[in-house]
Amino acid sequence: MYNEEAKLLGKYNINTAEELSSFSDSLSEKYKTLASNRAKLRNKLRRMHNTDEMQPIKDEISSLSLMMADLRKQMKLCEDIAARSGVIDKIVNTIDVPERETGQKERTRSKTYTSR
């Protein structure tokens, strides 16, 4: 899972949260476009009665479905990356804050002992 996320970030050269958000938005727009095209083809298919004419449309619908599946996978990876990066930032901040406070307390203690 993490390997796939790293590959996605490297493949599209995503380095910041803003780039990830922008990339995720573009995936979402592509997905909506493909879904709309697939819906139109399915409606067209319902009106057809000749099985010979139906096969190319079915193939195109299948192709669009495969592309949509790939986009869904990439969107899920983006969501996981965003969620985990937010969690990591919070963890780093919670670890870093007590260390700062502890460091300040030790400095104040050493000042009080040296001044006596």
PDB file of N, CA and C in Angstrom:
ATOM      1  N   MET A   1       0.823  -1.190   0.000  1.00  0.00           N
ATOM      2  CA  MET A   1       0.000   0.000   0.000  1.00  0.00           C
ATOM      3  C   MET A   1       0.869   1.256   0.000  1.00  0.00           C
ATOM      4  N   TYR A   2       1.819   1.326   0.944  1.00  0.00           N
ATOM      5  CA  TYR A   2       2.683   2.500   1.004  1.00  0.00           C
ATOM      6  C   TYR A   2       3.542   2.602  -0.250  1.00  0.00           C
ATOM      7  N   ASN A   3       3.905   1.444  -0.785  1.00  0.00           N
ATOM      8  CA  ASN A   3       4.699   1.413  -1.995  1.00  0.00           C
ATOM      9  C   ASN A   3       3.921   2.036  -3.159  1.00  0.00           C
ATOM     10  N   GLU A   4       2.648   1.708  -3.270  1.00  0.00           N
ATOM     11  CA  GLU A   4       1.819   2.264  -4.334  1.00  0.00           C
ATOM     12  C   GLU A   4       1.666   3.772  -4.174  1.00  0.00           C
ATOM     13  N   GLU A   5       1.538   4.222  -2.927  1.00  0.00           N
ATOM     14  CA  GLU A   5       1.413   5.657  -2.667  1.00  0.00           C
ATOM     15  C   GLU A   5       2.694   6.380  -3.063  1.00  0.00           C
ATOM     16  N   ALA A   6       3.827   5.789  -2.728  1.00  0.00           N
ATOM     17  CA  ALA A   6       5.112   6.390  -3.083  1.00  0.00           C
ATOM     18  C   ALA A   6       5.280   6.443  -4.598  1.00  0.00           C
ATOM     19  N   LYS A   7       4.865   5.384  -5.275  1.00  0.00           N
ATOM     20  CA  LYS A   7       4.946   5.363  -6.736  1.00  0.00           C
ATOM     21  C   LYS A   7       4.075   6.456  -7.348  1.00  0.00           C
ATOM     22  N   LEU A   8       2.878   6.638  -6.791  1.00  0.00           N
ATOM     23  CA  LEU A   8       1.969   7.661  -7.295  1.00  0.00           C
ATOM     24  C   LEU A   8       2.591   9.053  -7.127  1.00  0.00           C
ATOM     25  N   LEU A   9       3.137   9.314  -5.947  1.00  0.00           N
ATOM     26  CA  LEU A   9       3.756  10.615  -5.688  1.00  0.00           C
ATOM     27  C   LEU A   9       4.949  10.852  -6.616  1.00  0.00           C
ATOM     28  N   GLY A  10       5.749   9.814  -6.822  1.00  0.00           N
ATOM     29  CA  GLY A  10       6.915   9.950  -7.698  1.00  0.00           C
ATOM     30  C   GLY A  10       6.528  10.088  -9.160  1.00  0.00           C
ATOM     31  N   LYS A  11       5.556   9.324  -9.583  1.00  0.00           N
ATOM     32  CA  LYS A  11       5.138   9.332 -10.995  1.00  0.00           C
ATOM     33  C   LYS A  11       4.631  10.705 -11.424  1.00  0.00           C
ATOM     34  N   TYR A  12       3.866  11.346 -10.541  1.00  0.00           N
ATOM     35  CA  TYR A  12       3.280  12.637 -10.889  1.00  0.00           C
ATOM     36  C   TYR A  12       4.013  13.805 -10.243  1.00  0.00           C
ATOM     37  N   ASN A  13       5.170  13.522  -9.634  1.00  0.00           N
ATOM     38  CA  ASN A  13       6.030  14.555  -9.045  1.00  0.00           C
ATOM     39  C   ASN A  13       5.254  15.442  -8.064  1.00  0.00           C
ATOM     40  N   ILE A  14       4.594  14.801  -7.121  1.00  0.00           N
ATOM     41  CA  ILE A  14       3.799  15.508  -6.113  1.00  0.00           C
ATOM     42  C   ILE A  14       4.652  15.658  -4.864  1.00  0.00           C
ATOM     43  N   ASN A  15       4.862  16.920  -4.440  1.00  0.00           N
ATOM     44  CA  ASN A  15       5.731  17.179  -3.300  1.00  0.00           C
ATOM     45  C   ASN A  15       5.034  17.870  -2.136  1.00  0.00           C
ATOM     46  N   THR A  16       3.923  18.532  -2.392  1.00  0.00           N
ATOM     47  CA  THR A  16       3.261  19.284  -1.323  1.00  0.00           C
ATOM     48  C   THR A  16       1.801  18.862  -1.216  1.00  0.00           C
ATOM     49  N   ALA A  17       1.187  19.261  -0.113  1.00  0.00           N
ATOM     50  CA  ALA A  17      -0.225  18.956   0.096  1.00  0.00           C
ATOM     51  C   ALA A  17      -1.090  19.665  -0.939  1.00  0.00           C
ATOM     52  N   GLU A  18      -0.680  20.861  -1.335  1.00  0.00           N
ATOM     53  CA  GLU A  18      -1.441  21.606  -2.343  1.00  0.00           C
ATOM     54  C   GLU A  18      -1.403  20.891  -3.686  1.00  0.00           C
ATOM     55  N   GLU A  19      -0.231  20.370  -4.053  1.00  0.00           N
ATOM     56  CA  GLU A  19      -0.121  19.628  -5.306  1.00  0.00           C
ATOM     57  C   GLU A  19      -0.969  18.355  -5.254  1.00  0.00           C
ATOM     58  N   LEU A  20      -0.975  17.706  -4.106  1.00  0.00           N
ATOM     59  CA  LEU A  20      -1.786  16.503  -3.935  1.00  0.00           C
ATOM     60  C   LEU A  20      -3.265  16.832  -4.065  1.00  0.00           C
ATOM     61  N   SER A  21      -3.673  17.926  -3.459  1.00  0.00           N
ATOM     62  CA  SER A  21      -5.076  18.349  -3.537  1.00  0.00           C
ATOM     63  C   SER A  21      -5.460  18.684  -4.973  1.00  0.00           C
ATOM     64  N   SER A  22      -4.605  19.404  -5.659  1.00  0.00           N
ATOM     65  CA  SER A  22      -4.866  19.764  -7.050  1.00  0.00           C
ATOM     66  C   SER A  22      -4.945  18.512  -7.927  1.00  0.00           C
ATOM     67  N   PHE A  23      -4.032  17.593  -7.707  1.00  0.00           N
ATOM     68  CA  PHE A  23      -4.022  16.345  -8.468  1.00  0.00           C
ATOM     69  C   PHE A  23      -5.299  15.550  -8.202  1.00  0.00           C
ATOM     70  N   SER A  24      -5.704  15.489  -6.944  1.00  0.00           N
ATOM     71  CA  SER A  24      -6.915  14.767  -6.570  1.00  0.00           C
ATOM     72  C   SER A  24      -8.148  15.401  -7.211  1.00  0.00           C
ATOM     73  N   ASP A  25      -8.187  16.727  -7.251  1.00  0.00           N
ATOM     74  CA  ASP A  25      -9.305  17.426  -7.903  1.00  0.00           C
ATOM     75  C   ASP A  25      -9.354  17.125  -9.392  1.00  0.00           C
ATOM     76  N   SER A  26      -8.186  17.089 -10.040  1.00  0.00           N
ATOM     77  CA  SER A  26      -8.172  16.797 -11.478  1.00  0.00           C
ATOM     78  C   SER A  26      -8.617  15.358 -11.740  1.00  0.00           C
ATOM     79  N   LEU A  27      -8.228  14.428 -10.859  1.00  0.00           N
ATOM     80  CA  LEU A  27      -8.695  13.043 -11.001  1.00  0.00           C
ATOM     81  C   LEU A  27     -10.211  12.966 -10.877  1.00  0.00           C
ATOM     82  N   SER A  28     -10.740  13.720  -9.931  1.00  0.00           N
ATOM     83  CA  SER A  28     -12.179  13.736  -9.707  1.00  0.00           C
ATOM     84  C   SER A  28     -12.917  14.266 -10.936  1.00  0.00           C
ATOM     85  N   GLU A  29     -12.395  15.316 -11.540  1.00  0.00           N
ATOM     86  CA  GLU A  29     -13.015  15.864 -12.750  1.00  0.00           C
ATOM     87  C   GLU A  29     -12.965  14.867 -13.905  1.00  0.00           C
ATOM     88  N   LYS A  30     -11.826  14.206 -14.083  1.00  0.00           N
ATOM     89  CA  LYS A  30     -11.713  13.192 -15.136  1.00  0.00           C
ATOM     90  C   LYS A  30     -12.715  12.065 -14.895  1.00  0.00           C
ATOM     91  N   TYR A  31     -12.838  11.662 -13.636  1.00  0.00           N
ATOM     92  CA  TYR A  31     -13.751  10.585 -13.280  1.00  0.00           C
ATOM     93  C   TYR A  31     -15.196  10.966 -13.626  1.00  0.00           C
ATOM     94  N   LYS A  32     -15.574  12.205 -13.294  1.00  0.00           N
ATOM     95  CA  LYS A  32     -16.936  12.663 -13.587  1.00  0.00           C
ATOM     96  C   LYS A  32     -17.193  12.672 -15.089  1.00  0.00           C
ATOM     97  N   THR A  33     -16.204  13.093 -15.862  1.00  0.00           N
ATOM     98  CA  THR A  33     -16.342  13.122 -17.317  1.00  0.00           C
ATOM     99  C   THR A  33     -16.523  11.711 -17.870  1.00  0.00           C
ATOM    100  N   LEU A  34     -15.695  10.782 -17.402  1.00  0.00           N
ATOM    101  CA  LEU A  34     -15.812   9.394 -17.867  1.00  0.00           C
ATOM    102  C   LEU A  34     -17.158   8.788 -17.463  1.00  0.00           C
ATOM    103  N   ALA A  35     -17.605   9.082 -16.252  1.00  0.00           N
ATOM    104  CA  ALA A  35     -18.888   8.547 -15.784  1.00  0.00           C
ATOM    105  C   ALA A  35     -20.034   9.081 -16.632  1.00  0.00           C
ATOM    106  N   SER A  36     -19.954  10.341 -16.985  1.00  0.00           N
ATOM    107  CA  SER A  36     -20.987  10.943 -17.822  1.00  0.00           C
ATOM    108  C   SER A  36     -21.002  10.294 -19.211  1.00  0.00           C
ATOM    109  N   ASN A  37     -19.823  10.119 -19.789  1.00  0.00           N
ATOM    110  CA  ASN A  37     -19.737   9.474 -21.108  1.00  0.00           C
ATOM    111  C   ASN A  37     -20.251   8.044 -21.065  1.00  0.00           C
ATOM    112  N   ARG A  38     -19.921   7.331 -19.995  1.00  0.00           N
ATOM    113  CA  ARG A  38     -20.379   5.951 -19.864  1.00  0.00           C
ATOM    114  C   ARG A  38     -21.901   5.893 -19.719  1.00  0.00           C
ATOM    115  N   ALA A  39     -22.463   6.824 -18.972  1.00  0.00           N
ATOM    116  CA  ALA A  39     -23.921   6.861 -18.808  1.00  0.00           C
ATOM    117  C   ALA A  39     -24.612   7.121 -20.143  1.00  0.00           C
ATOM    118  N   LYS A  40     -24.040   8.020 -20.943  1.00  0.00           N
ATOM    119  CA  LYS A  40     -24.617   8.299 -22.262  1.00  0.00           C
ATOM    120  C   LYS A  40     -24.581   7.060 -23.150  1.00  0.00           C
ATOM    121  N   LEU A  41     -23.447   6.351 -23.096  1.00  0.00           N
ATOM    122  CA  LEU A  41     -23.341   5.135 -23.906  1.00  0.00           C
ATOM    123  C   LEU A  41     -24.321   4.062 -23.432  1.00  0.00           C
ATOM    124  N   ARG A  42     -24.498   3.948 -22.138  1.00  0.00           N
ATOM    125  CA  ARG A  42     -25.453   2.958 -21.614  1.00  0.00           C
ATOM    126  C   ARG A  42     -26.876   3.298 -22.041  1.00  0.00           C
ATOM    127  N   ASN A  43     -27.205   4.586 -22.030  1.00  0.00           N
ATOM    128  CA  ASN A  43     -28.536   4.996 -22.499  1.00  0.00           C
ATOM    129  C   ASN A  43     -28.710   4.699 -23.979  1.00  0.00           C
ATOM    130  N   LYS A  44     -27.656   4.950 -24.745  1.00  0.00           N
ATOM    131  CA  LYS A  44     -27.699   4.659 -26.179  1.00  0.00           C
ATOM    132  C   LYS A  44     -27.870   3.151 -26.401  1.00  0.00           C
ATOM    133  N   LEU A  45     -27.199   2.365 -25.593  1.00  0.00           N
ATOM    134  CA  LEU A  45     -27.272   0.917 -25.700  1.00  0.00           C
ATOM    135  C   LEU A  45     -28.682   0.401 -25.416  1.00  0.00           C
ATOM    136  N   ARG A  46     -29.374   1.029 -24.504  1.00  0.00           N
ATOM    137  CA  ARG A  46     -30.747   0.613 -24.167  1.00  0.00           C
ATOM    138  C   ARG A  46     -31.704   0.800 -25.342  1.00  0.00           C
ATOM    139  N   ARG A  47     -31.416   1.781 -26.165  1.00  0.00           N
ATOM    140  CA  ARG A  47     -32.307   2.069 -27.299  1.00  0.00           C
ATOM    141  C   ARG A  47     -31.992   1.208 -28.513  1.00  0.00           C
ATOM    142  N   MET A  48     -30.881   0.485 -28.465  1.00  0.00           N
ATOM    143  CA  MET A  48     -30.479  -0.317 -29.619  1.00  0.00           C
ATOM    144  C   MET A  48     -31.094  -1.712 -29.537  1.00  0.00           C
ATOM    145  N   HIS A  49     -31.294  -2.283 -30.721  1.00  0.00           N
ATOM    146  CA  HIS A  49     -31.866  -3.624 -30.780  1.00  0.00           C
ATOM    147  C   HIS A  49     -31.003  -4.590 -31.588  1.00  0.00           C
ATOM    148  N   ASN A  50     -30.091  -4.055 -32.355  1.00  0.00           N
ATOM    149  CA  ASN A  50     -29.227  -4.875 -33.195  1.00  0.00           C
ATOM    150  C   ASN A  50     -27.970  -5.256 -32.384  1.00  0.00           C
ATOM    151  N   THR A  51     -27.781  -6.557 -32.179  1.00  0.00           N
ATOM    152  CA  THR A  51     -26.662  -7.007 -31.353  1.00  0.00           C
ATOM    153  C   THR A  51     -25.302  -6.729 -31.991  1.00  0.00           C
ATOM    154  N   ASP A  52     -25.248  -6.686 -33.324  1.00  0.00           N
ATOM    155  CA  ASP A  52     -23.982  -6.394 -34.001  1.00  0.00           C
ATOM    156  C   ASP A  52     -23.538  -4.959 -33.740  1.00  0.00           C
ATOM    157  N   GLU A  53     -24.475  -4.047 -33.682  1.00  0.00           N
ATOM    158  CA  GLU A  53     -24.159  -2.640 -33.417  1.00  0.00           C
ATOM    159  C   GLU A  53     -23.879  -2.409 -31.930  1.00  0.00           C
ATOM    160  N   MET A  54     -24.371  -3.278 -31.083  1.00  0.00           N
ATOM    161  CA  MET A  54     -24.218  -3.119 -29.641  1.00  0.00           C
ATOM    162  C   MET A  54     -22.804  -3.443 -29.162  1.00  0.00           C
ATOM    163  N   GLN A  55     -22.139  -4.378 -29.813  1.00  0.00           N
ATOM    164  CA  GLN A  55     -20.845  -4.853 -29.328  1.00  0.00           C
ATOM    165  C   GLN A  55     -19.779  -3.748 -29.236  1.00  0.00           C
ATOM    166  N   PRO A  56     -19.614  -2.894 -30.249  1.00  0.00           N
ATOM    167  CA  PRO A  56     -18.598  -1.828 -30.101  1.00  0.00           C
ATOM    168  C   PRO A  56     -18.903  -0.878 -28.940  1.00  0.00           C
ATOM    169  N   ILE A  57     -20.173  -0.629 -28.711  1.00  0.00           N
ATOM    170  CA  ILE A  57     -20.555   0.253 -27.605  1.00  0.00           C
ATOM    171  C   ILE A  57     -20.279  -0.433 -26.270  1.00  0.00           C
ATOM    172  N   LYS A  58     -20.567  -1.730 -26.199  1.00  0.00           N
ATOM    173  CA  LYS A  58     -20.269  -2.481 -24.982  1.00  0.00           C
ATOM    174  C   LYS A  58     -18.766  -2.482 -24.695  1.00  0.00           C
ATOM    175  N   ASP A  59     -17.980  -2.606 -25.759  1.00  0.00           N
ATOM    176  CA  ASP A  59     -16.523  -2.578 -25.596  1.00  0.00           C
ATOM    177  C   ASP A  59     -16.050  -1.213 -25.081  1.00  0.00           C
ATOM    178  N   GLU A  60     -16.647  -0.168 -25.607  1.00  0.00           N
ATOM    179  CA  GLU A  60     -16.280   1.181 -25.169  1.00  0.00           C
ATOM    180  C   GLU A  60     -16.695   1.410 -23.711  1.00  0.00           C
ATOM    181  N   ILE A  61     -17.864   0.918 -23.350  1.00  0.00           N
ATOM    182  CA  ILE A  61     -18.318   1.027 -21.963  1.00  0.00           C
ATOM    183  C   ILE A  61     -17.349   0.279 -21.042  1.00  0.00           C
ATOM    184  N   SER A  62     -16.927  -0.885 -21.457  1.00  0.00           N
ATOM    185  CA  SER A  62     -15.980  -1.676 -20.676  1.00  0.00           C
ATOM    186  C   SER A  62     -14.645  -0.930 -20.521  1.00  0.00           C
ATOM    187  N   SER A  63     -14.199  -0.320 -21.597  1.00  0.00           N
ATOM    188  CA  SER A  63     -12.957   0.449 -21.564  1.00  0.00           C
ATOM    189  C   SER A  63     -13.068   1.629 -20.595  1.00  0.00           C
ATOM    190  N   LEU A  64     -14.198   2.335 -20.661  1.00  0.00           N
ATOM    191  CA  LEU A  64     -14.415   3.459 -19.752  1.00  0.00           C
ATOM    192  C   LEU A  64     -14.463   2.980 -18.301  1.00  0.00           C
ATOM    193  N   SER A  65     -15.067   1.831 -18.068  1.00  0.00           N
ATOM    194  CA  SER A  65     -15.144   1.281 -16.716  1.00  0.00           C
ATOM    195  C   SER A  65     -13.760   0.962 -16.166  1.00  0.00           C
ATOM    196  N   LEU A  66     -12.887   0.432 -17.014  1.00  0.00           N
ATOM    197  CA  LEU A  66     -11.518   0.141 -16.586  1.00  0.00           C
ATOM    198  C   LEU A  66     -10.764   1.424 -16.239  1.00  0.00           C
ATOM    199  N   MET A  67     -10.937   2.452 -17.060  1.00  0.00           N
ATOM    200  CA  MET A  67     -10.288   3.736 -16.776  1.00  0.00           C
ATOM    201  C   MET A  67     -10.807   4.336 -15.471  1.00  0.00           C
ATOM    202  N   MET A  68     -12.112   4.192 -15.261  1.00  0.00           N
ATOM    203  CA  MET A  68     -12.708   4.721 -14.035  1.00  0.00           C
ATOM    204  C   MET A  68     -12.187   3.966 -12.808  1.00  0.00           C
ATOM    205  N   ALA A  69     -11.987   2.676 -12.949  1.00  0.00           N
ATOM    206  CA  ALA A  69     -11.461   1.884 -11.837  1.00  0.00           C
ATOM    207  C   ALA A  69     -10.055   2.353 -11.471  1.00  0.00           C
ATOM    208  N   ASP A  70      -9.239   2.625 -12.482  1.00  0.00           N
ATOM    209  CA  ASP A  70      -7.887   3.121 -12.233  1.00  0.00           C
ATOM    210  C   ASP A  70      -7.922   4.490 -11.546  1.00  0.00           C
ATOM    211  N   LEU A  71      -8.819   5.355 -12.008  1.00  0.00           N
ATOM    212  CA  LEU A  71      -8.947   6.674 -11.382  1.00  0.00           C
ATOM    213  C   LEU A  71      -9.426   6.561  -9.933  1.00  0.00           C
ATOM    214  N   ARG A  72     -10.374   5.650  -9.681  1.00  0.00           N
ATOM    215  CA  ARG A  72     -10.853   5.437  -8.304  1.00  0.00           C
ATOM    216  C   ARG A  72      -9.713   4.982  -7.407  1.00  0.00           C
ATOM    217  N   LYS A  73      -8.877   4.105  -7.923  1.00  0.00           N
ATOM    218  CA  LYS A  73      -7.733   3.611  -7.153  1.00  0.00           C
ATOM    219  C   LYS A  73      -6.778   4.757  -6.825  1.00  0.00           C
ATOM    220  N   GLN A  74      -6.485   5.596  -7.815  1.00  0.00           N
ATOM    221  CA  GLN A  74      -5.601   6.732  -7.584  1.00  0.00           C
ATOM    222  C   GLN A  74      -6.216   7.733  -6.609  1.00  0.00           C
ATOM    223  N   MET A  75      -7.527   7.958  -6.710  1.00  0.00           N
ATOM    224  CA  MET A  75      -8.195   8.880  -5.793  1.00  0.00           C
ATOM    225  C   MET A  75      -8.134   8.343  -4.369  1.00  0.00           C
ATOM    226  N   LYS A  76      -8.293   7.041  -4.199  1.00  0.00           N
ATOM    227  CA  LYS A  76      -8.213   6.422  -2.878  1.00  0.00           C
ATOM    228  C   LYS A  76      -6.802   6.565  -2.309  1.00  0.00           C
ATOM    229  N   LEU A  77      -5.792   6.369  -3.148  1.00  0.00           N
ATOM    230  CA  LEU A  77      -4.415   6.542  -2.697  1.00  0.00           C
ATOM    231  C   LEU A  77      -4.174   7.982  -2.251  1.00  0.00           C
ATOM    232  N   CYS A  78      -4.709   8.933  -3.011  1.00  0.00           N
ATOM    233  CA  CYS A  78      -4.565  10.350  -2.635  1.00  0.00           C
ATOM    234  C   CYS A  78      -5.224  10.624  -1.287  1.00  0.00           C
ATOM    235  N   GLU A  79      -6.400  10.057  -1.078  1.00  0.00           N
ATOM    236  CA  GLU A  79      -7.096  10.239   0.202  1.00  0.00           C
ATOM    237  C   GLU A  79      -6.282   9.649   1.350  1.00  0.00           C
ATOM    238  N   ASP A  80      -5.724   8.458   1.129  1.00  0.00           N
ATOM    239  CA  ASP A  80      -4.919   7.816   2.167  1.00  0.00           C
ATOM    240  C   ASP A  80      -3.659   8.624   2.483  1.00  0.00           C
ATOM    241  N   ILE A  81      -3.022   9.135   1.435  1.00  0.00           N
ATOM    242  CA  ILE A  81      -1.820   9.951   1.636  1.00  0.00           C
ATOM    243  C   ILE A  81      -2.160  11.200   2.422  1.00  0.00           C
ATOM    244  N   ALA A  82      -3.235  11.865   2.037  1.00  0.00           N
ATOM    245  CA  ALA A  82      -3.630  13.094   2.722  1.00  0.00           C
ATOM    246  C   ALA A  82      -3.986  12.824   4.183  1.00  0.00           C
ATOM    247  N   ALA A  83      -4.699  11.744   4.421  1.00  0.00           N
ATOM    248  CA  ALA A  83      -5.084  11.417   5.795  1.00  0.00           C
ATOM    249  C   ALA A  83      -3.865  11.084   6.635  1.00  0.00           C
ATOM    250  N   ARG A  84      -2.972  10.290   6.096  1.00  0.00           N
ATOM    251  CA  ARG A  84      -1.796   9.888   6.857  1.00  0.00           C
ATOM    252  C   ARG A  84      -0.836  11.051   7.056  1.00  0.00           C
ATOM    253  N   SER A  85      -0.676  11.904   6.061  1.00  0.00           N
ATOM    254  CA  SER A  85       0.243  13.032   6.220  1.00  0.00           C
ATOM    255  C   SER A  85      -0.272  13.994   7.277  1.00  0.00           C
ATOM    256  N   GLY A  86      -1.587  14.146   7.380  1.00  0.00           N
ATOM    257  CA  GLY A  86      -2.154  14.980   8.434  1.00  0.00           C
ATOM    258  C   GLY A  86      -1.923  14.367   9.802  1.00  0.00           C
ATOM    259  N   VAL A  87      -2.046  13.055   9.887  1.00  0.00           N
ATOM    260  CA  VAL A  87      -1.811  12.353  11.144  1.00  0.00           C
ATOM    261  C   VAL A  87      -0.342  12.449  11.529  1.00  0.00           C
ATOM    262  N   ILE A  88       0.531  12.297  10.561  1.00  0.00           N
ATOM    263  CA  ILE A  88       1.961  12.372  10.844  1.00  0.00           C
ATOM    264  C   ILE A  88       2.332  13.763  11.345  1.00  0.00           C
ATOM    265  N   ASP A  89       1.788  14.803  10.732  1.00  0.00           N
ATOM    266  CA  ASP A  89       2.058  16.158  11.194  1.00  0.00           C
ATOM    267  C   ASP A  89       1.607  16.338  12.638  1.00  0.00           C
ATOM    268  N   LYS A  90       0.423  15.824  12.965  1.00  0.00           N
ATOM    269  CA  LYS A  90      -0.080  15.939  14.333  1.00  0.00           C
ATOM    270  C   LYS A  90       0.819  15.193  15.310  1.00  0.00           C
ATOM    271  N   ILE A  91       1.263  14.000  14.925  1.00  0.00           N
ATOM    272  CA  ILE A  91       2.127  13.210  15.801  1.00  0.00           C
ATOM    273  C   ILE A  91       3.453  13.918  16.026  1.00  0.00           C
ATOM    274  N   VAL A  92       4.028  14.443  14.958  1.00  0.00           N
ATOM    275  CA  VAL A  92       5.296  15.158  15.081  1.00  0.00           C
ATOM    276  C   VAL A  92       5.123  16.373  15.977  1.00  0.00           C
ATOM    277  N   ASN A  93       4.047  17.091  15.809  1.00  0.00           N
ATOM    278  CA  ASN A  93       3.810  18.269  16.642  1.00  0.00           C
ATOM    279  C   ASN A  93       3.607  17.892  18.104  1.00  0.00           C
ATOM    280  N   THR A  94       2.894  16.821  18.374  1.00  0.00           N
ATOM    281  CA  THR A  94       2.669  16.434  19.770  1.00  0.00           C
ATOM    282  C   THR A  94       3.945  15.926  20.406  1.00  0.00           C
ATOM    283  N   ILE A  95       4.806  15.300  19.638  1.00  0.00           N
ATOM    284  CA  ILE A  95       6.089  14.843  20.174  1.00  0.00           C
ATOM    285  C   ILE A  95       7.017  16.033  20.365  1.00  0.00           C
ATOM    286  N   ASP A  96       7.018  16.943  19.418  1.00  0.00           N
ATOM    287  CA  ASP A  96       7.922  18.081  19.433  1.00  0.00           C
ATOM    288  C   ASP A  96       7.586  19.071  20.548  1.00  0.00           C
ATOM    289  N   VAL A  97       6.325  19.313  20.814  1.00  0.00           N
ATOM    290  CA  VAL A  97       5.918  20.295  21.823  1.00  0.00           C
ATOM    291  C   VAL A  97       6.382  19.890  23.221  1.00  0.00           C
ATOM    292  N   PRO A  98       6.153  18.664  23.683  1.00  0.00           N
ATOM    293  CA  PRO A  98       6.647  18.305  25.014  1.00  0.00           C
ATOM    294  C   PRO A  98       8.169  18.389  25.123  1.00  0.00           C
ATOM    295  N   GLU A  99       8.878  18.037  24.044  1.00  0.00           N
ATOM    296  CA  GLU A  99      10.338  18.140  24.083  1.00  0.00           C
ATOM    297  C   GLU A  99      10.771  19.585  24.262  1.00  0.00           C
ATOM    298  N   ARG A 100      10.119  20.489  23.605  1.00  0.00           N
ATOM    299  CA  ARG A 100      10.438  21.915  23.763  1.00  0.00           C
ATOM    300  C   ARG A 100      10.179  22.355  25.198  1.00  0.00           C
ATOM    301  N   GLU A 101       9.025  21.948  25.725  1.00  0.00           N
ATOM    302  CA  GLU A 101       8.681  22.336  27.097  1.00  0.00           C
ATOM    303  C   GLU A 101       9.669  21.729  28.077  1.00  0.00           C
ATOM    304  N   THR A 102      10.048  20.477  27.895  1.00  0.00           N
ATOM    305  CA  THR A 102      11.002  19.817  28.772  1.00  0.00           C
ATOM    306  C   THR A 102      12.350  20.508  28.693  1.00  0.00           C
ATOM    307  N   GLY A 103      12.764  20.861  27.499  1.00  0.00           N
ATOM    308  CA  GLY A 103      14.034  21.562  27.316  1.00  0.00           C
ATOM    309  C   GLY A 103      14.028  22.907  28.019  1.00  0.00           C
ATOM    310  N   GLN A 104      12.921  23.615  27.972  1.00  0.00           N
ATOM    311  CA  GLN A 104      12.818  24.911  28.635  1.00  0.00           C
ATOM    312  C   GLN A 104      12.835  24.734  30.139  1.00  0.00           C
ATOM    313  N   LYS A 105      12.186  23.701  30.674  1.00  0.00           N
ATOM    314  CA  LYS A 105      12.165  23.458  32.111  1.00  0.00           C
ATOM    315  C   LYS A 105      13.578  23.136  32.607  1.00  0.00           C
ATOM    316  N   GLU A 106      14.300  22.328  31.831  1.00  0.00           N
ATOM    317  CA  GLU A 106      15.656  21.969  32.235  1.00  0.00           C
ATOM    318  C   GLU A 106      16.555  23.192  32.242  1.00  0.00           C
ATOM    319  N   ARG A 107      16.393  24.065  31.272  1.00  0.00           N
ATOM    320  CA  ARG A 107      17.202  25.282  31.226  1.00  0.00           C
ATOM    321  C   ARG A 107      16.901  26.174  32.430  1.00  0.00           C
ATOM    322  N   THR A 108      15.614  26.278  32.788  1.00  0.00           N
ATOM    323  CA  THR A 108      15.261  27.112  33.940  1.00  0.00           C
ATOM    324  C   THR A 108      15.787  26.485  35.222  1.00  0.00           C
ATOM    325  N   ARG A 109      15.754  25.199  35.335  1.00  0.00           N
ATOM    326  CA  ARG A 109      16.271  24.529  36.528  1.00  0.00           C
ATOM    327  C   ARG A 109      17.773  24.756  36.652  1.00  0.00           C
ATOM    328  N   SER A 110      18.474  24.606  35.548  1.00  0.00           N
ATOM    329  CA  SER A 110      19.916  24.782  35.608  1.00  0.00           C
ATOM    330  C   SER A 110      20.281  26.222  35.930  1.00  0.00           C
ATOM    331  N   LYS A 111      19.487  27.171  35.500  1.00  0.00           N
ATOM    332  CA  LYS A 111      19.737  28.591  35.828  1.00  0.00           C
ATOM    333  C   LYS A 111      19.529  28.832  37.307  1.00  0.00           C
ATOM    334  N   THR A 112      18.503  28.225  37.902  1.00  0.00           N
ATOM    335  CA  THR A 112      18.244  28.445  39.309  1.00  0.00           C
ATOM    336  C   THR A 112      19.318  27.807  40.175  1.00  0.00           C
ATOM    337  N   TYR A 113      19.841  26.666  39.783  1.00  0.00           N
ATOM    338  CA  TYR A 113      20.888  26.009  40.569  1.00  0.00           C
ATOM    339  C   TYR A 113      22.198  26.746  40.444  1.00  0.00           C
ATOM    340  N   THR A 114      22.487  27.297  39.270  1.00  0.00           N
ATOM    341  CA  THR A 114      23.747  28.001  39.095  1.00  0.00           C
ATOM    342  C   THR A 114      23.733  29.373  39.750  1.00  0.00           C
ATOM    343  N   SER A 115      22.567  29.951  39.919  1.00  0.00           N
ATOM    344  CA  SER A 115      22.495  31.281  40.523  1.00  0.00           C
ATOM    345  C   SER A 115      22.602  31.224  42.027  1.00  0.00           C
ATOM    346  N   ARG A 116      22.434  30.096  42.653  1.00  0.00           N
ATOM    347  CA  ARG A 116      22.502  29.964  44.120  1.00  0.00           C
ATOM    348  C   ARG A 116      23.873  29.901  44.592  1.00  0.00           C
TER     349      ARG A 116
END
